[in-house]
PDB file of N, CA and C in Angstrom:
ATOM      1  N   MET A   1       0.820  -1.212  -0.028  1.00  0.00           N
ATOM      2  CA  MET A   1       0.013  -0.029  -0.042  1.00  0.00           C
ATOM      3  C   MET A   1       0.884   1.258  -0.041  1.00  0.00           C
ATOM      4  N   ALA A   2       1.925   1.210   0.773  1.00  0.00           N
ATOM      5  CA  ALA A   2       2.815   2.339   0.875  1.00  0.00           C
ATOM      6  C   ALA A   2       3.578   2.622  -0.492  1.00  0.00           C
ATOM      7  N   ASP A   3       3.843   1.562  -1.194  1.00  0.00           N
ATOM      8  CA  ASP A   3       4.507   1.726  -2.454  1.00  0.00           C
ATOM      9  C   ASP A   3       3.537   2.442  -3.459  1.00  0.00           C
ATOM     10  N   ILE A   4       2.285   2.083  -3.484  1.00  0.00           N
ATOM     11  CA  ILE A   4       1.320   2.785  -4.334  1.00  0.00           C
ATOM     12  C   ILE A   4       1.263   4.177  -4.066  1.00  0.00           C
ATOM     13  N   ILE A   5       1.248   4.575  -2.814  1.00  0.00           N
ATOM     14  CA  ILE A   5       1.076   6.012  -2.362  1.00  0.00           C
ATOM     15  C   ILE A   5       2.343   6.786  -2.793  1.00  0.00           C
ATOM     16  N   LEU A   6       3.580   6.112  -2.736  1.00  0.00           N
ATOM     17  CA  LEU A   6       4.753   6.813  -3.093  1.00  0.00           C
ATOM     18  C   LEU A   6       4.791   6.977  -4.613  1.00  0.00           C
ATOM     19  N   GLN A   7       4.315   5.944  -5.368  1.00  0.00           N
ATOM     20  CA  GLN A   7       4.199   6.148  -6.804  1.00  0.00           C
ATOM     21  C   GLN A   7       3.294   7.191  -7.234  1.00  0.00           C
ATOM     22  N   ILE A   8       2.166   7.255  -6.597  1.00  0.00           N
ATOM     23  CA  ILE A   8       1.227   8.422  -6.843  1.00  0.00           C
ATOM     24  C   ILE A   8       1.867   9.766  -6.632  1.00  0.00           C
ATOM     25  N   ALA A   9       2.604   9.785  -5.523  1.00  0.00           N
ATOM     26  CA  ALA A   9       3.272  11.072  -5.148  1.00  0.00           C
ATOM     27  C   ALA A   9       4.250  11.426  -6.129  1.00  0.00           C
ATOM     28  N   VAL A  10       5.036  10.494  -6.662  1.00  0.00           N
ATOM     29  CA  VAL A  10       5.995  10.809  -7.713  1.00  0.00           C
ATOM     30  C   VAL A  10       5.351  11.247  -8.966  1.00  0.00           C
ATOM     31  N   VAL A  11       4.296  10.608  -9.362  1.00  0.00           N
ATOM     32  CA  VAL A  11       3.575  11.053 -10.604  1.00  0.00           C
ATOM     33  C   VAL A  11       2.970  12.430 -10.448  1.00  0.00           C
ATOM     34  N   LEU A  12       2.441  12.762  -9.244  1.00  0.00           N
ATOM     35  CA  LEU A  12       1.860  14.128  -9.031  1.00  0.00           C
ATOM     36  C   LEU A  12       3.002  15.227  -9.041  1.00  0.00           C
ATOM     37  N   ILE A  13       4.150  14.847  -8.452  1.00  0.00           N
ATOM     38  CA  ILE A  13       5.158  15.837  -8.465  1.00  0.00           C
ATOM     39  C   ILE A  13       5.735  16.041  -9.878  1.00  0.00           C
ATOM     40  N   PHE A  14       5.874  15.006 -10.674  1.00  0.00           N
ATOM     41  CA  PHE A  14       6.324  15.265 -12.067  1.00  0.00           C
ATOM     42  C   PHE A  14       5.295  16.009 -12.860  1.00  0.00           C
ATOM     43  N   LEU A  15       4.056  15.720 -12.615  1.00  0.00           N
ATOM     44  CA  LEU A  15       2.942  16.464 -13.378  1.00  0.00           C
ATOM     45  C   LEU A  15       3.057  18.007 -13.036  1.00  0.00           C
ATOM     46  N   SER A  16       3.265  18.291 -11.794  1.00  0.00           N
ATOM     47  CA  SER A  16       3.425  19.607 -11.340  1.00  0.00           C
ATOM     48  C   SER A  16       4.649  20.291 -11.921  1.00  0.00           C
ATOM     49  N   ILE A  17       5.676  19.494 -12.163  1.00  0.00           N
ATOM     50  CA  ILE A  17       6.905  20.052 -12.774  1.00  0.00           C
ATOM     51  C   ILE A  17       6.541  20.402 -14.220  1.00  0.00           C
ATOM     52  N   VAL A  18       5.858  19.532 -14.865  1.00  0.00           N
ATOM     53  CA  VAL A  18       5.420  19.850 -16.287  1.00  0.00           C
ATOM     54  C   VAL A  18       4.600  21.085 -16.393  1.00  0.00           C
ATOM     55  N   PHE A  19       3.562  21.212 -15.510  1.00  0.00           N
ATOM     56  CA  PHE A  19       2.757  22.414 -15.515  1.00  0.00           C
ATOM     57  C   PHE A  19       3.524  23.670 -15.087  1.00  0.00           C
ATOM     58  N   GLY A  20       4.479  23.603 -14.118  1.00  0.00           N
ATOM     59  CA  GLY A  20       5.275  24.677 -13.852  1.00  0.00           C
ATOM     60  C   GLY A  20       6.169  25.187 -14.992  1.00  0.00           C
ATOM     61  N   VAL A  21       6.764  24.201 -15.652  1.00  0.00           N
ATOM     62  CA  VAL A  21       7.574  24.602 -16.843  1.00  0.00           C
ATOM     63  C   VAL A  21       6.772  25.282 -17.935  1.00  0.00           C
ATOM     64  N   LEU A  22       5.520  24.693 -18.174  1.00  0.00           N
ATOM     65  CA  LEU A  22       4.658  25.312 -19.088  1.00  0.00           C
ATOM     66  C   LEU A  22       4.301  26.745 -18.708  1.00  0.00           C
ATOM     67  N   ARG A  23       4.061  27.005 -17.467  1.00  0.00           N
ATOM     68  CA  ARG A  23       3.723  28.319 -17.025  1.00  0.00           C
ATOM     69  C   ARG A  23       4.913  29.278 -17.118  1.00  0.00           C
ATOM     70  N   LEU A  24       6.102  28.703 -16.901  1.00  0.00           N
ATOM     71  CA  LEU A  24       7.323  29.484 -17.071  1.00  0.00           C
ATOM     72  C   LEU A  24       7.561  29.889 -18.548  1.00  0.00           C
ATOM     73  N   VAL A  25       7.168  28.927 -19.455  1.00  0.00           N
ATOM     74  CA  VAL A  25       7.412  29.281 -20.841  1.00  0.00           C
ATOM     75  C   VAL A  25       6.366  30.204 -21.451  1.00  0.00           C
ATOM     76  N   ILE A  26       5.105  29.989 -21.096  1.00  0.00           N
ATOM     77  CA  ILE A  26       4.026  30.800 -21.652  1.00  0.00           C
ATOM     78  C   ILE A  26       3.621  32.007 -20.837  1.00  0.00           C
ATOM     79  N   GLY A  27       4.322  32.213 -19.723  1.00  0.00           N
ATOM     80  CA  GLY A  27       3.975  33.381 -18.863  1.00  0.00           C
ATOM     81  C   GLY A  27       4.076  34.708 -19.558  1.00  0.00           C
ATOM     82  N   LYS A  28       3.087  35.517 -19.472  1.00  0.00           N
ATOM     83  CA  LYS A  28       3.177  36.783 -20.194  1.00  0.00           C
ATOM     84  C   LYS A  28       3.922  37.825 -19.526  1.00  0.00           C
ATOM     85  N   THR A  29       3.928  37.862 -18.256  1.00  0.00           N
ATOM     86  CA  THR A  29       4.724  38.942 -17.471  1.00  0.00           C
ATOM     87  C   THR A  29       5.797  38.290 -16.632  1.00  0.00           C
ATOM     88  N   ALA A  30       6.652  39.118 -16.129  1.00  0.00           N
ATOM     89  CA  ALA A  30       7.759  38.647 -15.325  1.00  0.00           C
ATOM     90  C   ALA A  30       7.228  38.096 -14.032  1.00  0.00           C
ATOM     91  N   ILE A  31       6.175  38.668 -13.530  1.00  0.00           N
ATOM     92  CA  ILE A  31       5.583  38.104 -12.251  1.00  0.00           C
ATOM     93  C   ILE A  31       5.069  36.665 -12.439  1.00  0.00           C
ATOM     94  N   ASP A  32       4.461  36.419 -13.637  1.00  0.00           N
ATOM     95  CA  ASP A  32       4.114  34.980 -13.890  1.00  0.00           C
ATOM     96  C   ASP A  32       5.243  34.049 -13.891  1.00  0.00           C
ATOM     97  N   ARG A  33       6.349  34.468 -14.434  1.00  0.00           N
ATOM     98  CA  ARG A  33       7.552  33.627 -14.475  1.00  0.00           C
ATOM     99  C   ARG A  33       8.171  33.488 -13.106  1.00  0.00           C
ATOM    100  N   VAL A  34       8.193  34.466 -12.318  1.00  0.00           N
ATOM    101  CA  VAL A  34       8.674  34.423 -10.932  1.00  0.00           C
ATOM    102  C   VAL A  34       7.816  33.430 -10.123  1.00  0.00           C
ATOM    103  N   VAL A  35       6.571  33.475 -10.242  1.00  0.00           N
ATOM    104  CA  VAL A  35       5.668  32.624  -9.496  1.00  0.00           C
ATOM    105  C   VAL A  35       5.889  31.146 -10.009  1.00  0.00           C
ATOM    106  N   ALA A  36       6.121  30.973 -11.223  1.00  0.00           N
ATOM    107  CA  ALA A  36       6.338  29.652 -11.791  1.00  0.00           C
ATOM    108  C   ALA A  36       7.597  29.140 -11.262  1.00  0.00           C
ATOM    109  N   ILE A  37       8.659  29.949 -11.247  1.00  0.00           N
ATOM    110  CA  ILE A  37       9.991  29.469 -10.611  1.00  0.00           C
ATOM    111  C   ILE A  37       9.875  29.129  -9.129  1.00  0.00           C
ATOM    112  N   ASP A  38       9.031  29.909  -8.369  1.00  0.00           N
ATOM    113  CA  ASP A  38       8.914  29.708  -7.020  1.00  0.00           C
ATOM    114  C   ASP A  38       8.093  28.423  -6.764  1.00  0.00           C
ATOM    115  N   MET A  39       7.125  28.151  -7.636  1.00  0.00           N
ATOM    116  CA  MET A  39       6.400  26.938  -7.559  1.00  0.00           C
ATOM    117  C   MET A  39       7.311  25.670  -7.857  1.00  0.00           C
ATOM    118  N   LEU A  40       8.136  25.906  -8.833  1.00  0.00           N
ATOM    119  CA  LEU A  40       9.147  24.826  -9.149  1.00  0.00           C
ATOM    120  C   LEU A  40      10.088  24.540  -7.992  1.00  0.00           C
ATOM    121  N   THR A  41      10.487  25.568  -7.238  1.00  0.00           N
ATOM    122  CA  THR A  41      11.351  25.360  -6.132  1.00  0.00           C
ATOM    123  C   THR A  41      10.574  24.606  -5.029  1.00  0.00           C
ATOM    124  N   VAL A  42       9.392  24.858  -4.841  1.00  0.00           N
ATOM    125  CA  VAL A  42       8.557  24.151  -3.841  1.00  0.00           C
ATOM    126  C   VAL A  42       8.379  22.700  -4.221  1.00  0.00           C
ATOM    127  N   VAL A  43       8.206  22.458  -5.551  1.00  0.00           N
ATOM    128  CA  VAL A  43       8.067  21.076  -6.019  1.00  0.00           C
ATOM    129  C   VAL A  43       9.351  20.351  -5.853  1.00  0.00           C
ATOM    130  N   THR A  44      10.510  21.040  -6.105  1.00  0.00           N
ATOM    131  CA  THR A  44      11.802  20.426  -5.937  1.00  0.00           C
ATOM    132  C   THR A  44      12.048  20.098  -4.476  1.00  0.00           C
ATOM    133  N   ILE A  45      11.593  20.935  -3.615  1.00  0.00           N
ATOM    134  CA  ILE A  45      11.725  20.686  -2.160  1.00  0.00           C
ATOM    135  C   ILE A  45      11.010  19.467  -1.726  1.00  0.00           C
ATOM    136  N   SER A  46       9.731  19.276  -2.378  1.00  0.00           N
ATOM    137  CA  SER A  46       8.941  18.068  -2.025  1.00  0.00           C
ATOM    138  C   SER A  46       9.608  16.841  -2.726  1.00  0.00           C
ATOM    139  N   LEU A  47      10.290  16.960  -3.820  1.00  0.00           N
ATOM    140  CA  LEU A  47      10.949  15.845  -4.400  1.00  0.00           C
ATOM    141  C   LEU A  47      12.160  15.469  -3.538  1.00  0.00           C
ATOM    142  N   ILE A  48      12.875  16.402  -2.961  1.00  0.00           N
ATOM    143  CA  ILE A  48      14.019  16.091  -2.086  1.00  0.00           C
ATOM    144  C   ILE A  48      13.476  15.413  -0.837  1.00  0.00           C
ATOM    145  N   ALA A  49      12.346  15.894  -0.274  1.00  0.00           N
ATOM    146  CA  ALA A  49      11.771  15.249   0.959  1.00  0.00           C
ATOM    147  C   ALA A  49      11.312  13.808   0.599  1.00  0.00           C
ATOM    148  N   LEU A  50      10.718  13.621  -0.545  1.00  0.00           N
ATOM    149  CA  LEU A  50      10.294  12.254  -0.916  1.00  0.00           C
ATOM    150  C   LEU A  50      11.519  11.330  -1.145  1.00  0.00           C
ATOM    151  N   TYR A  51      12.642  11.841  -1.717  1.00  0.00           N
ATOM    152  CA  TYR A  51      13.801  11.012  -1.857  1.00  0.00           C
ATOM    153  C   TYR A  51      14.325  10.786  -0.426  1.00  0.00           C
ATOM    154  N   ALA A  52      14.376  11.662   0.466  1.00  0.00           N
ATOM    155  CA  ALA A  52      14.877  11.430   1.792  1.00  0.00           C
ATOM    156  C   ALA A  52      14.131  10.354   2.557  1.00  0.00           C
ATOM    157  N   HIS A  53      12.735  10.339   2.254  1.00  0.00           N
ATOM    158  CA  HIS A  53      11.919   9.286   2.800  1.00  0.00           C
ATOM    159  C   HIS A  53      12.253   7.922   2.259  1.00  0.00           C
ATOM    160  N   ILE A  54      12.343   7.889   0.932  1.00  0.00           N
ATOM    161  CA  ILE A  54      12.568   6.603   0.215  1.00  0.00           C
ATOM    162  C   ILE A  54      13.915   6.040   0.490  1.00  0.00           C
ATOM    163  N   SER A  55      14.974   6.889   0.614  1.00  0.00           N
ATOM    164  CA  SER A  55      16.299   6.411   0.837  1.00  0.00           C
ATOM    165  C   SER A  55      16.592   6.094   2.374  1.00  0.00           C
ATOM    166  N   GLY A  56      15.789   6.812   3.273  1.00  0.00           N
ATOM    167  CA  GLY A  56      16.027   6.574   4.626  1.00  0.00           C
ATOM    168  C   GLY A  56      17.116   7.516   5.102  1.00  0.00           C
ATOM    169  N   ARG A  57      17.601   8.453   4.371  1.00  0.00           N
ATOM    170  CA  ARG A  57      18.652   9.392   4.776  1.00  0.00           C
ATOM    171  C   ARG A  57      18.046  10.686   5.015  1.00  0.00           C
ATOM    172  N   PHE A  58      17.760  11.001   6.241  1.00  0.00           N
ATOM    173  CA  PHE A  58      16.979  12.249   6.550  1.00  0.00           C
ATOM    174  C   PHE A  58      17.798  13.440   6.635  1.00  0.00           C
ATOM    175  N   VAL A  59      19.146  13.308   6.301  1.00  0.00           N
ATOM    176  CA  VAL A  59      19.997  14.502   6.151  1.00  0.00           C
ATOM    177  C   VAL A  59      19.587  15.321   4.969  1.00  0.00           C
ATOM    178  N   TYR A  60      18.885  14.733   3.968  1.00  0.00           N
ATOM    179  CA  TYR A  60      18.330  15.516   2.812  1.00  0.00           C
ATOM    180  C   TYR A  60      17.285  16.468   3.214  1.00  0.00           C
ATOM    181  N   LEU A  61      16.654  16.287   4.373  1.00  0.00           N
ATOM    182  CA  LEU A  61      15.539  17.226   4.755  1.00  0.00           C
ATOM    183  C   LEU A  61      16.303  18.563   5.172  1.00  0.00           C
ATOM    184  N   ASP A  62      17.519  18.504   5.685  1.00  0.00           N
ATOM    185  CA  ASP A  62      18.285  19.729   6.000  1.00  0.00           C
ATOM    186  C   ASP A  62      18.563  20.519   4.683  1.00  0.00           C
ATOM    187  N   VAL A  63      18.875  19.765   3.639  1.00  0.00           N
ATOM    188  CA  VAL A  63      19.162  20.362   2.369  1.00  0.00           C
ATOM    189  C   VAL A  63      17.860  20.994   1.818  1.00  0.00           C
ATOM    190  N   ALA A  64      16.744  20.334   1.961  1.00  0.00           N
ATOM    191  CA  ALA A  64      15.477  20.884   1.572  1.00  0.00           C
ATOM    192  C   ALA A  64      15.126  22.187   2.295  1.00  0.00           C
ATOM    193  N   LEU A  65      15.423  22.190   3.560  1.00  0.00           N
ATOM    194  CA  LEU A  65      15.129  23.363   4.380  1.00  0.00           C
ATOM    195  C   LEU A  65      15.987  24.461   4.023  1.00  0.00           C
ATOM    196  N   VAL A  66      17.226  24.321   3.796  1.00  0.00           N
ATOM    197  CA  VAL A  66      18.188  25.361   3.404  1.00  0.00           C
ATOM    198  C   VAL A  66      17.703  25.855   1.886  1.00  0.00           C
ATOM    199  N   TYR A  67      17.391  24.974   1.010  1.00  0.00           N
ATOM    200  CA  TYR A  67      16.957  25.348  -0.239  1.00  0.00           C
ATOM    201  C   TYR A  67      15.661  26.168  -0.172  1.00  0.00           C
ATOM    202  N   GLY A  68      14.749  25.775   0.684  1.00  0.00           N
ATOM    203  CA  GLY A  68      13.533  26.625   0.863  1.00  0.00           C
ATOM    204  C   GLY A  68      13.835  27.972   1.356  1.00  0.00           C
ATOM    205  N   LEU A  69      14.728  28.114   2.307  1.00  0.00           N
ATOM    206  CA  LEU A  69      15.087  29.474   2.847  1.00  0.00           C
ATOM    207  C   LEU A  69      15.668  30.358   1.806  1.00  0.00           C
ATOM    208  N   LEU A  70      16.649  29.754   1.017  1.00  0.00           N
ATOM    209  CA  LEU A  70      17.258  30.494  -0.002  1.00  0.00           C
ATOM    210  C   LEU A  70      16.313  30.863  -1.171  1.00  0.00           C
ATOM    211  N   SER A  71      15.365  30.028  -1.414  1.00  0.00           N
ATOM    212  CA  SER A  71      14.287  30.347  -2.336  1.00  0.00           C
ATOM    213  C   SER A  71      13.455  31.506  -1.988  1.00  0.00           C
ATOM    214  N   PHE A  72      13.020  31.467  -0.722  1.00  0.00           N
ATOM    215  CA  PHE A  72      12.270  32.537  -0.141  1.00  0.00           C
ATOM    216  C   PHE A  72      13.023  33.885  -0.242  1.00  0.00           C
ATOM    217  N   LEU A  73      14.283  33.833   0.104  1.00  0.00           N
ATOM    218  CA  LEU A  73      15.025  35.119   0.034  1.00  0.00           C
ATOM    219  C   LEU A  73      15.218  35.520  -1.395  1.00  0.00           C
ATOM    220  N   ALA A  74      15.355  34.665  -2.313  1.00  0.00           N
ATOM    221  CA  ALA A  74      15.486  34.978  -3.773  1.00  0.00           C
ATOM    222  C   ALA A  74      14.187  35.599  -4.309  1.00  0.00           C
ATOM    223  N   VAL A  75      13.061  35.069  -3.932  1.00  0.00           N
ATOM    224  CA  VAL A  75      11.757  35.638  -4.342  1.00  0.00           C
ATOM    225  C   VAL A  75      11.607  37.050  -3.773  1.00  0.00           C
ATOM    226  N   LEU A  76      12.008  37.226  -2.489  1.00  0.00           N
ATOM    227  CA  LEU A  76      11.886  38.606  -1.910  1.00  0.00           C
ATOM    228  C   LEU A  76      12.721  39.599  -2.636  1.00  0.00           C
ATOM    229  N   ALA A  77      13.941  39.188  -3.032  1.00  0.00           N
ATOM    230  CA  ALA A  77      14.851  40.038  -3.682  1.00  0.00           C
ATOM    231  C   ALA A  77      14.267  40.371  -5.121  1.00  0.00           C
ATOM    232  N   ILE A  78      13.754  39.397  -5.764  1.00  0.00           N
ATOM    233  CA  ILE A  78      13.165  39.691  -7.127  1.00  0.00           C
ATOM    234  C   ILE A  78      11.935  40.583  -7.022  1.00  0.00           C
ATOM    235  N   ALA A  79      11.103  40.327  -5.943  1.00  0.00           N
ATOM    236  CA  ALA A  79       9.954  41.146  -5.836  1.00  0.00           C
ATOM    237  C   ALA A  79      10.280  42.621  -5.424  1.00  0.00           C
ATOM    238  N   ARG A  80      11.322  42.774  -4.720  1.00  0.00           N
ATOM    239  CA  ARG A  80      11.805  44.175  -4.506  1.00  0.00           C
ATOM    240  C   ARG A  80      12.284  44.859  -5.768  1.00  0.00           C
ATOM    241  N   PHE A  81      13.012  44.094  -6.585  1.00  0.00           N
ATOM    242  CA  PHE A  81      13.490  44.584  -7.831  1.00  0.00           C
ATOM    243  C   PHE A  81      12.375  44.889  -8.801  1.00  0.00           C
ATOM    244  N   LEU A  82      11.401  44.050  -8.911  1.00  0.00           N
ATOM    245  CA  LEU A  82      10.261  44.297  -9.767  1.00  0.00           C
ATOM    246  C   LEU A  82       9.362  45.450  -9.249  1.00  0.00           C
ATOM    247  N   GLU A  83       9.403  45.684  -7.928  1.00  0.00           N
ATOM    248  CA  GLU A  83       8.530  46.750  -7.345  1.00  0.00           C
ATOM    249  C   GLU A  83       9.059  48.122  -7.734  1.00  0.00           C
ATOM    250  N   ARG A  84      10.436  48.194  -7.936  1.00  0.00           N
ATOM    251  CA  ARG A  84      10.931  49.521  -8.279  1.00  0.00           C
ATOM    252  C   ARG A  84      10.736  49.929  -9.752  1.00  0.00           C
ATOM    253  N   GLY A  85      10.650  48.888 -10.522  1.00  0.00           N
ATOM    254  CA  GLY A  85      10.377  49.205 -11.920  1.00  0.00           C
ATOM    255  C   GLY A  85      11.605  49.611 -12.718  1.00  0.00           C
ATOM    256  N   PRO A  86      11.432  49.899 -14.033  1.00  0.00           N
ATOM    257  CA  PRO A  86      12.604  50.201 -14.907  1.00  0.00           C
ATOM    258  C   PRO A  86      12.985  51.571 -14.642  1.00  0.00           C
TER     259      PRO A  86
END
């Protein structure tokens, strides 16, 4: 039963990657692209957490946490840059 749930999680994660890349490519504004990149980082964090669970090496959760913090800071920096305008 647990294997089926993990397979479903992997499929959903990869579907969200596909939709995120589509949004990144067809985004009309810079804000759309930033949101798509932020969503892709969240999906990557969930992929890292899933890999940590499957492999049994929970040190990867620390990597996911640091990646999440850096992603948050990057989105804040981009938002401040876009707020100022050209």
